[in-house]
N, C-alpha and C. Protein backbone atom coordinates (compact mmCIF):
# COMPACT_ATOMS: atom_id res chain seq x y z
N MET A 1 125.58 157.77 12.92
CA MET A 1 125.33 158.02 11.47
C MET A 1 124.48 156.59 11.34
N ILE A 2 123.24 157.06 10.95
CA ILE A 2 122.14 155.23 11.00
C ILE A 2 122.63 154.88 9.21
N GLU A 3 123.70 153.94 9.48
CA GLU A 3 123.59 153.41 8.06
C GLU A 3 122.15 152.85 7.20
N ARG A 4 121.39 152.03 8.31
CA ARG A 4 120.52 151.13 7.73
C ARG A 4 119.10 150.58 8.98
N HIS A 5 118.21 149.93 8.42
CA HIS A 5 117.14 149.85 9.17
C HIS A 5 117.06 148.38 8.82
N LEU A 6 117.08 147.70 10.07
CA LEU A 6 116.76 146.11 9.80
C LEU A 6 115.56 145.74 10.65
N LYS A 7 115.35 144.35 10.82
CA LYS A 7 114.15 144.10 11.86
C LYS A 7 114.25 144.30 12.89
N LYS A 8 115.92 143.64 13.36
CA LYS A 8 116.41 143.51 14.93
C LYS A 8 116.76 144.67 15.03
N GLY A 9 116.66 146.39 14.64
CA GLY A 9 117.36 147.60 15.02
C GLY A 9 117.65 148.00 14.04
N SER A 10 118.35 149.39 14.09
CA SER A 10 118.81 150.05 13.06
C SER A 10 120.45 149.85 13.11
N VAL A 11 121.04 149.80 11.96
CA VAL A 11 122.59 149.80 12.30
C VAL A 11 123.35 151.68 12.82
N PHE A 12 123.45 151.48 13.27
CA PHE A 12 124.25 152.62 14.01
C PHE A 12 125.76 152.42 13.67
N ILE A 13 126.59 153.86 13.07
CA ILE A 13 127.90 154.19 12.97
C ILE A 13 128.68 155.06 13.68
N SER A 14 129.50 154.50 14.44
CA SER A 14 129.88 155.79 15.51
C SER A 14 130.85 156.50 14.60
N ASN A 15 130.99 158.20 15.00
CA ASN A 15 131.47 158.75 14.01
C ASN A 15 132.69 159.08 14.50
N GLY A 16 133.53 158.81 16.14
CA GLY A 16 134.69 158.78 16.28
C GLY A 16 135.48 157.80 15.73
N ASN A 17 135.01 156.37 16.25
CA ASN A 17 135.89 155.13 15.76
C ASN A 17 135.23 153.99 14.89
N SER A 18 133.91 154.65 14.47
CA SER A 18 133.19 153.49 13.23
C SER A 18 132.92 151.81 13.46
N SER A 19 133.03 152.63 14.86
CA SER A 19 132.28 151.14 16.00
C SER A 19 130.62 151.10 15.12
N VAL A 20 130.29 150.13 15.44
CA VAL A 20 129.09 149.60 14.43
C VAL A 20 127.59 149.21 15.77
N TYR A 21 126.92 149.72 16.12
CA TYR A 21 125.84 149.30 16.94
C TYR A 21 124.38 148.83 16.33
N LEU A 22 124.18 147.72 16.29
CA LEU A 22 122.20 147.21 16.50
C LEU A 22 121.77 148.27 17.51
N VAL A 23 120.82 148.38 17.18
CA VAL A 23 119.90 149.73 18.02
C VAL A 23 118.85 149.64 18.08
N ASN A 24 117.88 149.82 19.17
CA ASN A 24 116.20 149.49 19.25
C ASN A 24 115.60 150.73 20.15
N GLY A 25 114.90 151.06 19.73
CA GLY A 25 113.46 152.31 20.26
C GLY A 25 113.19 151.96 21.51
N ILE A 26 112.69 152.56 22.64
CA ILE A 26 111.64 152.44 23.51
C ILE A 26 110.39 151.88 23.37
N ILE A 27 110.06 153.03 22.95
CA ILE A 27 108.55 153.02 22.09
C ILE A 27 108.59 152.64 20.71
N ASP A 28 109.24 153.90 19.75
CA ASP A 28 109.21 153.72 18.69
C ASP A 28 110.50 153.07 17.92
N SER A 29 110.37 152.65 16.99
CA SER A 29 111.53 151.93 15.88
C SER A 29 112.40 153.05 15.75
N TRP A 30 113.30 153.03 15.13
CA TRP A 30 113.87 154.30 14.44
C TRP A 30 113.28 154.60 12.64
N PRO A 31 112.83 153.18 12.37
CA PRO A 31 112.34 153.59 10.92
C PRO A 31 110.99 154.49 11.57
N GLU A 32 110.19 154.13 12.20
CA GLU A 32 109.17 154.79 12.47
C GLU A 32 108.82 156.64 12.42
N MET A 33 110.51 157.04 13.30
CA MET A 33 110.66 157.85 14.05
C MET A 33 111.53 158.95 12.38
N PHE A 34 111.85 158.42 11.45
CA PHE A 34 112.70 158.55 10.41
C PHE A 34 111.93 158.35 9.37
N ALA A 35 110.74 157.90 8.77
CA ALA A 35 110.26 157.19 8.22
C ALA A 35 110.59 157.71 6.58
N GLU A 36 110.69 159.58 6.87
CA GLU A 36 110.29 159.88 5.40
C GLU A 36 111.82 160.61 5.14
N VAL A 37 112.74 159.98 5.97
CA VAL A 37 114.56 160.58 5.45
C VAL A 37 115.26 159.03 4.67
N PRO A 38 115.94 159.15 3.83
CA PRO A 38 116.54 158.74 3.69
C PRO A 38 117.98 158.23 4.44
N THR A 39 118.99 156.60 4.35
CA THR A 39 119.18 156.34 5.16
C THR A 39 121.05 156.83 3.97
N PRO A 40 122.10 157.04 4.16
CA PRO A 40 122.40 157.13 6.11
C PRO A 40 121.83 158.26 6.29
N ILE A 41 121.69 158.43 7.91
CA ILE A 41 121.27 159.92 8.37
C ILE A 41 122.06 160.19 9.32
N ILE A 42 122.66 161.30 9.74
CA ILE A 42 123.16 161.84 10.90
C ILE A 42 122.16 162.03 12.18
N VAL A 43 122.76 161.38 13.17
CA VAL A 43 121.73 161.46 14.01
C VAL A 43 122.93 162.00 15.60
N LYS A 44 121.70 162.51 16.29
CA LYS A 44 122.33 162.74 17.64
C LYS A 44 121.38 162.33 19.07
N ALA A 45 122.27 161.24 19.07
CA ALA A 45 121.68 160.17 20.47
C ALA A 45 122.08 159.46 21.23
N THR A 46 121.25 159.42 22.28
CA THR A 46 121.76 158.63 23.44
C THR A 46 121.83 157.28 23.85
N LEU A 47 122.55 156.15 23.36
CA LEU A 47 122.60 154.91 22.97
C LEU A 47 122.66 154.09 24.50
N LEU A 48 121.88 153.37 25.22
CA LEU A 48 121.79 153.56 26.08
C LEU A 48 121.99 151.33 26.61
N PRO A 49 122.67 151.00 27.17
CA PRO A 49 123.04 149.49 27.32
C PRO A 49 121.61 148.75 27.78
N PHE A 50 121.47 148.18 27.78
CA PHE A 50 119.98 147.29 28.68
C PHE A 50 120.01 146.05 28.62
N ARG A 51 120.32 144.86 29.19
CA ARG A 51 120.46 143.40 29.23
C ARG A 51 121.52 143.36 28.39
N ASN A 52 120.74 142.24 27.35
CA ASN A 52 121.60 141.86 25.83
C ASN A 52 121.22 142.92 24.85
N VAL A 53 120.98 144.01 25.19
CA VAL A 53 120.99 145.13 24.29
C VAL A 53 121.31 146.52 24.03
N ILE A 54 121.28 147.28 22.82
CA ILE A 54 121.30 148.46 22.86
C ILE A 54 120.28 149.12 22.56
N ILE A 55 120.08 150.16 23.29
CA ILE A 55 118.47 151.13 23.31
C ILE A 55 118.67 152.58 23.25
N SER A 56 117.64 153.37 22.75
CA SER A 56 118.05 154.31 23.20
C SER A 56 116.59 155.25 23.81
N ASP A 57 117.21 156.75 24.00
CA ASP A 57 116.02 157.19 24.52
C ASP A 57 114.47 157.29 23.45
N GLU A 58 114.91 157.67 22.84
CA GLU A 58 114.32 158.23 21.22
C GLU A 58 114.38 159.91 21.34
N LEU A 59 115.21 160.11 21.99
CA LEU A 59 115.05 161.70 21.78
C LEU A 59 116.63 162.22 21.16
N GLY A 60 116.39 161.34 19.72
CA GLY A 60 117.11 161.49 18.87
C GLY A 60 116.69 163.18 18.02
N SER A 61 118.02 163.48 17.31
CA SER A 61 117.70 164.48 16.00
C SER A 61 118.34 164.11 15.14
N SER A 62 117.87 164.28 13.68
CA SER A 62 118.75 164.26 12.69
C SER A 62 118.94 166.13 12.36
N PHE A 63 120.05 165.47 11.37
CA PHE A 63 120.45 166.65 10.20
C PHE A 63 120.16 166.45 8.77
N PRO A 64 119.60 167.66 8.38
CA PRO A 64 119.29 167.53 7.12
C PRO A 64 120.87 167.51 5.51
N ILE A 65 121.24 166.40 6.10
CA ILE A 65 122.22 166.40 5.14
C ILE A 65 122.40 165.17 4.37
N ARG A 66 122.88 165.42 3.08
CA ARG A 66 123.08 164.43 1.94
C ARG A 66 123.98 163.75 2.14
N PHE A 67 124.57 162.37 1.72
CA PHE A 67 125.79 161.93 1.48
C PHE A 67 126.05 161.11 -0.28
N GLY A 68 127.15 161.73 -0.79
CA GLY A 68 127.19 161.35 -2.03
C GLY A 68 127.42 159.65 -2.28
N ARG A 69 127.71 159.11 -2.95
CA ARG A 69 128.26 157.64 -3.20
C ARG A 69 129.14 156.99 -2.51
N ASN A 70 130.27 158.04 -2.34
CA ASN A 70 131.33 157.33 -1.95
C ASN A 70 131.20 157.36 -0.77
N VAL A 71 130.71 158.24 0.30
CA VAL A 71 130.28 157.88 1.69
C VAL A 71 129.49 156.71 2.00
N LYS A 72 128.38 156.85 1.24
CA LYS A 72 127.51 155.39 1.49
C LYS A 72 127.91 154.03 1.24
N MET A 73 128.95 154.52 0.49
CA MET A 73 129.61 152.83 -0.22
C MET A 73 130.53 152.68 1.37
N GLU A 74 131.42 153.50 1.78
CA GLU A 74 132.09 154.16 2.53
C GLU A 74 131.30 152.83 3.68
N LEU A 75 130.33 153.75 4.26
CA LEU A 75 129.47 153.24 5.75
C LEU A 75 129.08 151.99 5.60
N LYS A 76 128.46 151.67 4.06
CA LYS A 76 127.87 150.64 3.70
C LYS A 76 129.38 149.56 4.33
N ASN A 77 130.55 149.50 3.58
CA ASN A 77 131.63 148.51 3.92
C ASN A 77 131.97 148.09 5.26
N ILE A 78 131.93 149.70 6.16
CA ILE A 78 132.15 149.19 7.26
C ILE A 78 130.87 148.27 8.40
N TYR A 79 129.75 148.45 7.90
CA TYR A 79 128.47 147.42 7.83
C TYR A 79 129.05 146.15 7.72
N LEU A 80 129.65 146.11 6.48
CA LEU A 80 129.42 144.59 5.78
C LEU A 80 130.78 143.78 6.84
N THR A 81 131.15 144.61 7.28
CA THR A 81 132.87 143.92 7.62
C THR A 81 132.71 143.88 8.83
N ALA A 82 131.65 144.48 9.33
CA ALA A 82 131.61 144.34 11.28
C ALA A 82 130.78 143.33 11.17
N LYS A 83 130.01 142.92 10.37
CA LYS A 83 128.75 141.81 10.18
C LYS A 83 129.43 140.34 9.90
N ALA A 84 130.46 140.63 8.72
CA ALA A 84 130.88 139.46 8.80
C ALA A 84 132.12 139.09 9.66
N GLN A 85 132.66 139.96 10.32
CA GLN A 85 133.38 139.88 11.42
C GLN A 85 132.98 139.25 13.39
N ARG A 86 131.43 139.93 12.60
CA ARG A 86 130.02 140.07 13.72
C ARG A 86 130.77 140.39 15.00
N ASP A 87 131.54 141.62 14.37
CA ASP A 87 132.13 142.73 15.50
C ASP A 87 131.17 143.79 15.51
N TYR A 88 130.14 143.66 16.35
CA TYR A 88 129.05 144.54 16.59
C TYR A 88 128.75 144.76 17.70
N TYR A 89 127.61 145.22 17.74
CA TYR A 89 127.50 145.24 19.53
C TYR A 89 125.77 146.16 19.29
């Protein structure tokens, strides 16, 4: 899931284990690809480690699902906890 977009990349949270990743696109940024879609967004994407960053092949697809307040707050808390502990990739 994409929780938010930052200048350095987009914050992805893994559905399986709640790992947090800062991901960059190869050509376009994730905000450019999903400009009209509000976050959080469920996406299917391939993440690839490249040097000291994580990139994506940009062949991601989104799913038309809207989230309620509780899910949004939970995702935000996962991100803020990882940020405070510097526990993101």
